[in-house]
Amino acid sequence: MAQTPTSRGREQDRARVAGGQDHEVKYEATKEGVSKDAVKKAVKSAGNSRKKVEAEIGRR
């Protein structure tokens, strides 16, 4: 489904936001039009599911 193999043979899950990965936080912040701090707070409160993070950001 949302998983695609990387060049190292590992699975990559695009349905999740890695709150510790600056590039993923920056991408999500730019996409949603919010600060990186807001994305990190959303990941912390809603979990790392991309849909839940986007819903949490929409509530603020």
Protein backbone atom coordinates (compact mmCIF):
# COMPACT_ATOMS: atom_id res chain seq x y z
CA MET A 1 0.00 0.00 0.00
CA ALA A 2 1.84 3.09 1.27
CA GLN A 3 5.11 1.24 1.74
CA THR A 4 7.78 1.28 -0.92
CA PRO A 5 11.19 -0.37 -0.78
CA THR A 6 14.18 1.91 -0.47
CA SER A 7 17.55 1.38 -2.11
CA ARG A 8 18.68 -0.46 1.02
CA GLY A 9 15.76 -2.87 0.78
CA ARG A 10 13.95 -1.46 3.80
CA GLU A 11 10.33 -0.45 3.78
CA GLN A 12 9.48 3.23 3.86
CA ASP A 13 6.12 4.23 5.25
CA ARG A 14 4.78 7.47 3.81
CA ALA A 15 1.70 7.33 6.05
CA ARG A 16 3.78 8.40 9.05
CA VAL A 17 5.57 11.58 10.11
CA ALA A 18 8.89 11.02 11.86
CA GLY A 19 8.90 13.85 14.42
CA GLY A 20 12.64 13.48 14.95
CA GLN A 21 13.47 13.86 11.25
CA ASP A 22 13.87 17.56 10.49
CA HIS A 23 13.22 17.15 6.76
CA GLU A 24 9.90 15.38 7.37
CA VAL A 25 8.80 17.97 9.92
CA LYS A 26 9.80 20.79 7.55
CA TYR A 27 7.89 19.19 4.65
CA GLU A 28 4.73 18.77 6.71
CA ALA A 29 5.01 22.31 8.10
CA THR A 30 5.37 23.80 4.61
CA LYS A 31 2.53 21.65 3.27
CA GLU A 32 0.16 22.67 6.07
CA GLY A 33 1.33 26.30 6.31
CA VAL A 34 2.34 26.09 9.97
CA SER A 35 5.58 26.24 11.95
CA LYS A 36 7.84 23.23 12.51
CA ASP A 37 7.13 23.55 16.23
CA ALA A 38 3.39 23.16 15.58
CA VAL A 39 4.03 19.95 13.64
CA LYS A 40 6.23 18.56 16.43
CA LYS A 41 3.53 19.33 18.99
CA ALA A 42 0.91 17.66 16.80
CA VAL A 43 3.07 14.54 16.43
CA LYS A 44 3.57 14.44 20.18
CA SER A 45 -0.14 14.75 20.97
CA ALA A 46 -1.71 12.78 18.09
CA GLY A 47 0.97 10.21 17.31
CA ASN A 48 2.93 9.84 14.09
CA SER A 49 0.10 8.96 11.71
CA ARG A 50 0.14 11.57 8.93
CA LYS A 51 -3.69 11.76 8.83
CA LYS A 52 -3.93 12.26 12.60
CA VAL A 53 -1.19 14.90 12.56
CA GLU A 54 -2.94 16.81 9.77
CA ALA A 55 -6.25 16.59 11.66
CA GLU A 56 -4.58 17.84 14.84
CA ILE A 57 -3.04 20.78 12.97
CA GLY A 58 -6.44 21.59 11.48
CA ARG A 59 -7.98 21.84 14.96
CA ARG A 60 -5.61 24.62 16.03
